[in-house]
N, C-alpha and C. Protein backbone atom coordinates (compact mmCIF):
# COMPACT_ATOMS: atom_id res chain seq x y z
N MET A 1 -16.12 31.31 34.50
CA MET A 1 -14.67 30.93 34.39
C MET A 1 -14.21 30.91 32.67
N PRO A 2 -13.21 31.50 32.45
CA PRO A 2 -12.87 32.23 31.00
C PRO A 2 -12.14 30.32 30.33
N ALA A 3 -12.38 30.37 29.27
CA ALA A 3 -11.91 29.31 28.44
C ALA A 3 -10.43 29.29 28.52
N PRO A 4 -9.41 27.98 28.62
CA PRO A 4 -8.35 27.87 28.15
C PRO A 4 -7.78 28.36 27.11
N GLU A 5 -6.87 29.40 27.14
CA GLU A 5 -5.92 29.39 25.86
C GLU A 5 -5.39 28.50 25.31
N SER A 6 -5.45 28.33 23.83
CA SER A 6 -4.88 27.32 23.33
C SER A 6 -3.55 28.16 22.46
N THR A 7 -2.67 27.54 22.44
CA THR A 7 -1.66 28.15 21.41
C THR A 7 -1.38 27.32 20.16
N VAL A 8 -1.78 28.38 19.25
CA VAL A 8 -1.82 28.09 17.53
C VAL A 8 -0.47 27.98 17.23
N ARG A 9 -0.08 26.83 16.91
CA ARG A 9 1.04 26.21 16.53
C ARG A 9 0.84 26.21 14.73
N LYS A 10 1.96 26.97 14.19
CA LYS A 10 1.83 26.87 12.85
C LYS A 10 2.44 25.89 12.05
N PRO A 11 1.88 25.43 11.07
CA PRO A 11 2.44 24.35 10.34
C PRO A 11 3.66 24.47 10.09
N ARG A 12 4.39 23.72 9.91
CA ARG A 12 6.19 23.55 9.02
C ARG A 12 6.17 23.17 7.94
N TRP A 13 6.41 23.79 6.92
CA TRP A 13 6.47 23.25 5.39
C TRP A 13 7.68 22.34 5.37
N TYR A 14 8.69 22.63 5.97
CA TYR A 14 10.03 21.77 5.84
C TYR A 14 10.14 20.83 6.50
N LEU A 15 9.15 20.18 7.32
CA LEU A 15 9.10 18.86 7.93
C LEU A 15 8.02 17.79 7.15
N ILE A 16 7.70 18.40 5.86
CA ILE A 16 7.03 17.50 5.02
C ILE A 16 7.69 16.57 4.14
N PRO A 17 8.98 17.05 3.96
CA PRO A 17 10.08 16.13 2.92
C PRO A 17 10.67 14.91 4.30
N VAL A 18 10.63 15.32 5.36
CA VAL A 18 11.34 14.63 6.41
C VAL A 18 10.40 13.12 6.78
N ARG A 19 9.01 13.77 6.98
CA ARG A 19 8.18 12.50 7.13
C ARG A 19 7.83 11.77 6.07
N VAL A 20 7.86 12.27 4.65
CA VAL A 20 7.91 11.46 3.44
C VAL A 20 9.05 10.81 3.21
N VAL A 21 9.86 10.93 3.61
CA VAL A 21 11.36 9.98 3.25
C VAL A 21 11.19 8.93 4.66
N LEU A 22 10.89 9.29 5.78
CA LEU A 22 10.80 8.51 6.95
C LEU A 22 9.86 7.45 6.61
N VAL A 23 8.60 7.52 6.05
CA VAL A 23 7.47 6.79 5.99
C VAL A 23 8.01 6.09 4.59
N THR A 24 8.20 6.74 3.64
CA THR A 24 8.94 5.79 2.32
C THR A 24 9.95 4.80 2.72
N LEU A 25 10.87 5.18 3.45
CA LEU A 25 11.97 4.11 4.03
C LEU A 25 11.24 3.10 4.96
N LEU A 26 10.74 3.65 5.75
CA LEU A 26 10.00 2.48 6.89
C LEU A 26 9.28 1.58 5.98
N LEU A 27 8.43 1.63 5.22
CA LEU A 27 7.51 0.95 4.43
C LEU A 27 8.14 0.13 3.32
N SER A 28 9.42 0.72 2.54
CA SER A 28 9.82 -0.16 1.81
C SER A 28 10.70 -1.19 2.66
N LEU A 29 11.38 -0.74 3.63
CA LEU A 29 11.96 -1.68 4.40
C LEU A 29 11.17 -2.99 4.76
N LEU A 30 10.15 -2.69 5.29
CA LEU A 30 9.20 -3.50 5.92
C LEU A 30 8.57 -4.49 4.87
N THR A 31 8.47 -3.89 3.52
CA THR A 31 8.31 -4.76 2.41
C THR A 31 9.10 -5.45 1.59
N PHE A 32 10.35 -5.13 2.10
CA PHE A 32 11.61 -5.48 1.50
C PHE A 32 11.88 -7.38 2.65
N ALA A 33 12.09 -6.58 3.72
CA ALA A 33 11.49 -7.85 4.67
C ALA A 33 10.86 -9.04 4.45
N VAL A 34 9.35 -8.69 4.31
CA VAL A 34 8.44 -9.29 4.37
C VAL A 34 8.42 -10.40 3.03
N THR A 35 8.64 -9.86 1.97
CA THR A 35 8.97 -10.38 0.47
C THR A 35 10.17 -11.01 0.71
N LEU A 36 11.23 -10.79 1.17
CA LEU A 36 12.36 -11.77 1.24
C LEU A 36 11.68 -12.92 2.18
N LEU A 37 11.16 -12.76 3.17
CA LEU A 37 10.95 -14.04 4.01
C LEU A 37 9.83 -15.23 3.02
N LEU A 38 9.26 -14.29 2.61
CA LEU A 38 8.14 -15.13 1.59
C LEU A 38 8.73 -15.72 0.42
N GLY A 39 9.69 -15.00 -0.24
CA GLY A 39 10.39 -15.36 -1.43
C GLY A 39 11.42 -16.58 -1.13
N ILE A 40 12.10 -16.60 0.30
CA ILE A 40 13.18 -17.51 0.67
C ILE A 40 12.30 -18.79 0.74
N LEU A 41 10.99 -18.49 1.79
CA LEU A 41 10.15 -19.90 1.97
C LEU A 41 9.72 -20.70 0.63
N GLY A 42 9.24 -19.46 0.05
CA GLY A 42 8.71 -20.54 -1.47
C GLY A 42 10.02 -21.08 -2.56
N LEU A 43 11.20 -20.32 -2.47
CA LEU A 43 12.13 -21.02 -2.96
C LEU A 43 12.65 -22.36 -2.33
N VAL A 44 12.45 -22.45 -1.16
CA VAL A 44 13.12 -23.70 -0.22
C VAL A 44 11.76 -24.75 -0.45
N ALA A 45 10.87 -24.19 -0.61
CA ALA A 45 9.53 -25.63 -0.63
C ALA A 45 9.93 -25.60 -2.15
N GLY A 46 9.83 -24.77 -3.20
CA GLY A 46 9.97 -25.77 -4.78
C GLY A 46 11.07 -26.35 -4.69
N ALA A 47 12.45 -25.91 -4.23
CA ALA A 47 13.49 -27.06 -4.47
C ALA A 47 13.26 -27.78 -3.54
N ARG A 48 12.90 -27.91 -2.53
CA ARG A 48 12.42 -29.52 -1.78
C ARG A 48 11.73 -30.03 -2.54
N ALA A 49 10.65 -29.70 -3.28
CA ALA A 49 9.58 -30.24 -4.43
C ALA A 49 10.48 -31.17 -5.47
N ARG A 50 11.52 -30.51 -5.65
CA ARG A 50 12.22 -31.04 -6.74
C ARG A 50 13.18 -31.72 -6.43
N GLY A 51 13.46 -31.68 -5.34
CA GLY A 51 14.89 -32.48 -4.49
C GLY A 51 16.05 -32.02 -4.87
N ILE A 52 16.14 -30.81 -5.19
CA ILE A 52 17.12 -29.92 -5.39
C ILE A 52 17.76 -28.89 -4.40
N HIS A 53 19.13 -28.31 -4.29
CA HIS A 53 19.50 -27.22 -3.59
C HIS A 53 19.01 -26.12 -4.06
N PRO A 54 18.25 -25.10 -3.43
CA PRO A 54 17.82 -23.94 -3.46
C PRO A 54 18.94 -22.86 -3.70
N ASP A 55 18.82 -22.27 -4.51
CA ASP A 55 19.75 -20.99 -4.92
C ASP A 55 18.82 -19.62 -4.69
N LEU A 56 19.15 -19.11 -3.16
CA LEU A 56 18.44 -18.32 -2.49
C LEU A 56 18.71 -16.88 -3.20
N ARG A 57 19.50 -16.73 -3.93
CA ARG A 57 20.08 -15.07 -4.92
C ARG A 57 18.84 -14.81 -5.37
N GLY A 58 17.93 -15.74 -5.81
CA GLY A 58 16.75 -15.18 -6.63
C GLY A 58 15.62 -14.38 -5.72
N ALA A 59 15.60 -14.89 -4.52
CA ALA A 59 14.84 -14.28 -3.57
C ALA A 59 15.06 -12.81 -3.48
N TYR A 60 16.51 -12.30 -3.45
CA TYR A 60 16.71 -11.12 -3.12
C TYR A 60 16.89 -10.40 -4.50
N ARG A 61 17.16 -11.12 -5.72
CA ARG A 61 17.22 -10.38 -6.97
C ARG A 61 15.68 -10.11 -7.38
N HIS A 62 14.99 -11.20 -7.76
CA HIS A 62 14.03 -11.11 -8.58
C HIS A 62 12.64 -11.19 -7.57
N ILE A 63 12.69 -11.32 -6.32
CA ILE A 63 11.20 -11.06 -5.53
C ILE A 63 11.31 -9.88 -4.54
N ALA A 64 12.35 -10.07 -3.78
CA ALA A 64 12.13 -8.90 -2.84
C ALA A 64 12.59 -7.34 -3.06
N LEU A 65 13.71 -7.20 -3.88
CA LEU A 65 14.21 -6.10 -4.35
C LEU A 65 12.92 -5.22 -5.19
N PRO A 66 12.56 -5.93 -6.42
CA PRO A 66 11.44 -5.03 -6.86
C PRO A 66 10.20 -4.92 -6.38
N SER A 67 9.82 -5.92 -5.86
CA SER A 67 8.79 -5.53 -4.69
C SER A 67 8.59 -4.13 -3.80
N ALA A 68 9.73 -4.11 -3.21
CA ALA A 68 10.20 -3.33 -2.62
C ALA A 68 10.27 -1.73 -3.15
N ALA A 69 11.18 -1.96 -4.51
CA ALA A 69 11.00 -0.59 -5.29
C ALA A 69 9.83 -0.26 -5.78
N ILE A 70 8.77 -1.09 -6.08
CA ILE A 70 7.41 -0.84 -6.39
C ILE A 70 6.71 -0.29 -5.26
N VAL A 71 6.44 -0.83 -4.21
CA VAL A 71 5.89 -0.36 -3.24
C VAL A 71 6.39 1.10 -2.45
N GLY A 72 8.01 0.92 -2.56
CA GLY A 72 8.28 2.42 -2.26
C GLY A 72 8.12 3.34 -3.00
N ALA A 73 8.07 3.67 -4.28
CA ALA A 73 7.41 4.23 -5.51
C ALA A 73 6.14 4.60 -5.06
N ILE A 74 5.07 3.46 -4.94
CA ILE A 74 3.94 3.97 -4.67
C ILE A 74 3.63 4.71 -3.23
N VAL A 75 4.45 4.41 -2.42
CA VAL A 75 3.99 5.25 -1.04
C VAL A 75 4.95 6.63 -1.00
N LEU A 76 5.98 6.75 -1.73
CA LEU A 76 6.52 7.81 -2.09
C LEU A 76 5.29 8.91 -2.76
N VAL A 77 5.05 8.43 -3.40
CA VAL A 77 3.83 9.62 -4.50
C VAL A 77 2.55 9.87 -3.29
N SER A 78 2.05 8.51 -2.79
CA SER A 78 0.76 8.93 -2.02
C SER A 78 1.28 9.63 -0.62
N SER A 79 2.30 9.61 -0.20
CA SER A 79 2.73 10.44 1.06
C SER A 79 2.70 11.56 1.02
N VAL A 80 3.33 11.94 -0.41
CA VAL A 80 3.59 13.29 -0.90
C VAL A 80 2.34 13.96 -0.81
N PHE A 81 1.40 13.23 -1.34
CA PHE A 81 0.13 14.07 -1.72
C PHE A 81 -0.67 13.94 -0.41
N MET A 82 -0.61 12.94 0.51
CA MET A 82 -1.55 13.03 1.93
C MET A 82 -0.91 14.14 2.52
N GLU A 83 0.52 14.32 2.67
CA GLU A 83 1.55 15.48 3.73
C GLU A 83 1.09 16.75 3.14
N VAL A 84 0.97 17.06 1.99
CA VAL A 84 0.73 18.28 1.39
C VAL A 84 -0.80 18.71 1.86
N ARG A 85 -1.78 17.97 1.55
CA ARG A 85 -2.92 17.85 1.83
C ARG A 85 -3.21 18.25 3.49
N HIS A 86 -2.38 17.41 4.34
CA HIS A 86 -2.51 17.71 5.69
C HIS A 86 -1.81 19.18 5.73
N TYR A 87 -0.90 19.42 5.70
CA TYR A 87 -0.38 20.93 5.73
C TYR A 87 -1.13 21.63 5.34
N ARG A 88 -1.78 22.09 4.20
CA ARG A 88 -3.03 22.81 3.66
C ARG A 88 -3.91 22.98 4.66
N GLN A 89 -4.62 21.80 5.10
CA GLN A 89 -5.34 21.79 6.19
C GLN A 89 -5.11 22.29 7.48
N ALA A 90 -3.91 21.96 7.93
CA ALA A 90 -3.59 22.56 9.23
C ALA A 90 -3.47 23.87 8.84
N LYS A 91 -3.06 24.57 8.21
CA LYS A 91 -2.63 25.78 7.69
C LYS A 91 -4.04 26.52 7.83
N ALA A 92 -5.17 25.98 7.14
CA ALA A 92 -6.42 26.89 7.13
C ALA A 92 -6.79 26.86 8.36
N LEU A 93 -6.86 25.60 9.38
CA LEU A 93 -7.43 25.38 10.27
C LEU A 93 -7.04 26.46 11.68
N ALA A 94 -5.50 26.82 11.10
CA ALA A 94 -4.83 27.63 12.13
C ALA A 94 -5.00 28.87 11.69
N SER A 95 -5.16 29.24 10.75
CA SER A 95 -5.71 30.92 10.13
C SER A 95 -7.28 30.88 10.70
N ILE A 96 -8.21 29.87 10.47
CA ILE A 96 -9.35 30.12 10.95
C ILE A 96 -9.22 30.41 12.71
N GLU A 97 -8.52 29.60 13.26
CA GLU A 97 -8.11 29.75 14.50
C GLU A 97 -7.75 31.17 15.10
N ARG A 98 -6.75 31.68 14.58
CA ARG A 98 -6.37 32.86 15.00
C ARG A 98 -7.29 34.07 14.88
N ALA A 99 -7.97 33.72 13.40
CA ALA A 99 -9.06 34.95 13.28
C ALA A 99 -10.15 34.97 14.25
N SER A 100 -10.56 33.97 14.90
CA SER A 100 -11.93 33.72 15.98
C SER A 100 -11.02 34.18 17.44
C-alpha cells in the first residue's frame, strides 16, 4: 500500500506582517480593557474610602492607555521575532520535505 501523498505548502512571507499586526492589536485591546476595568475599580474604591466622587478620566489617561501601549510594544517585538523564526523553520522543513 503506497504512502499518501502530502502536498508541500510553501510558507508565505507576506502573511507575517498581517499576523503580527493582528496579534498586536488583539493583545493591546485585551490589555486596555482589563487594565481599564481594574483602574476604574481601583479609583472607585479609593474615592469611596476618602468619601469623594471619583474622577474616572484618570483610569483612561494614567492607567489603561500607558499599560496598553507598553504591552503593545512588547507584543509587537516578540511576535515579529516569533513569526520570522516560524517562517524560517517552515521554509527549511518544506525544502527538506521536497528533497526527500
